[in-house]
Amino acid sequence: MDDHLSRAEIGKDAVQSTVEAAATTAGQVTTILAGAVRDLAGALGGFATELFEIRDSVRRASAEHDEHDEG
């Protein structure tokens, strides 16, 4: 028995493989972007924490300076 694929079946297989490859790639790109957004949020959050700490240090230093000037 001669098992040959029809042109339609070959075309269907090619389309199926293309869609599967595209879906896999889209999933990989989504994972990369989600990780980048997570890392960016963490970096910005850390930067904001540093800014709050710097602001508090400046306030404490200014208060100590004012106490020494008055005393």
Protein backbone atom coordinates (compact mmCIF):
# COMPACT_ATOMS: atom_id res chain seq x y z
CA MET A 1 0.00 0.00 0.00
CA ASP A 2 1.34 3.41 -0.98
CA ASP A 3 0.97 5.98 1.88
CA HIS A 4 1.34 9.41 0.32
CA LEU A 5 0.19 12.57 2.02
CA SER A 6 -2.16 14.78 0.07
CA ARG A 7 -1.20 18.35 -0.69
CA ALA A 8 -3.96 19.49 1.68
CA GLU A 9 -2.58 17.38 4.54
CA ILE A 10 0.96 18.63 3.89
CA GLY A 11 -0.33 22.22 3.95
CA LYS A 12 -2.28 21.56 7.14
CA ASP A 13 0.82 20.12 8.82
CA ALA A 14 2.90 23.13 7.75
CA VAL A 15 0.30 25.57 9.11
CA GLN A 16 0.01 23.58 12.35
CA SER A 17 3.79 23.57 12.84
CA THR A 18 3.96 27.30 12.14
CA VAL A 19 1.20 28.09 14.64
CA GLU A 20 2.83 25.88 17.29
CA ALA A 21 6.22 27.57 16.76
CA ALA A 22 4.62 31.02 16.94
CA ALA A 23 2.76 30.14 20.15
CA THR A 24 5.94 28.79 21.75
CA THR A 25 7.87 31.92 20.78
CA ALA A 26 5.10 34.19 22.04
CA GLY A 27 5.13 32.34 25.36
CA GLN A 28 8.90 32.72 25.66
CA VAL A 29 8.74 36.44 24.86
CA THR A 30 5.94 36.91 27.38
CA THR A 31 8.00 35.17 30.06
CA ILE A 32 11.01 37.37 29.28
CA LEU A 33 8.91 40.55 29.38
CA ALA A 34 7.18 39.55 32.62
CA GLY A 35 10.57 38.93 34.23
CA ALA A 36 11.86 42.28 32.98
CA VAL A 37 8.81 44.11 34.35
CA ARG A 38 9.25 42.33 37.70
CA ASP A 39 12.95 43.23 37.84
CA LEU A 40 12.22 46.83 36.86
CA ALA A 41 9.57 47.15 39.57
CA GLY A 42 12.03 45.77 42.12
CA ALA A 43 14.77 48.18 41.05
CA LEU A 44 12.43 51.18 41.15
CA GLY A 45 11.10 50.11 44.54
CA GLY A 46 14.64 49.83 45.87
CA PHE A 47 15.47 53.27 44.48
CA ALA A 48 12.38 54.76 46.14
CA THR A 49 13.41 53.18 49.46
CA GLU A 50 16.87 54.75 49.11
CA LEU A 51 15.29 58.14 48.45
CA PHE A 52 13.14 57.85 51.59
CA GLU A 53 16.20 56.89 53.64
CA ILE A 54 18.22 59.80 52.24
CA ARG A 55 15.36 62.22 52.99
CA ASP A 56 15.14 60.96 56.57
CA SER A 57 18.92 61.26 57.01
CA VAL A 58 18.85 64.84 55.74
CA ARG A 59 16.02 65.69 58.15
CA ARG A 60 17.90 64.18 61.11
CA ALA A 61 21.14 65.94 60.15
CA SER A 62 19.34 69.26 59.75
CA ALA A 63 17.61 68.85 63.12
CA GLU A 64 20.95 68.05 64.81
CA HIS A 65 22.58 71.03 63.10
CA ASP A 66 19.78 73.33 64.29
CA GLU A 67 20.14 72.02 67.85
CA HIS A 68 23.88 72.79 67.85
CA ASP A 69 23.29 76.30 66.48
CA GLU A 70 20.74 77.04 69.24
CA GLY A 71 22.80 75.55 72.05
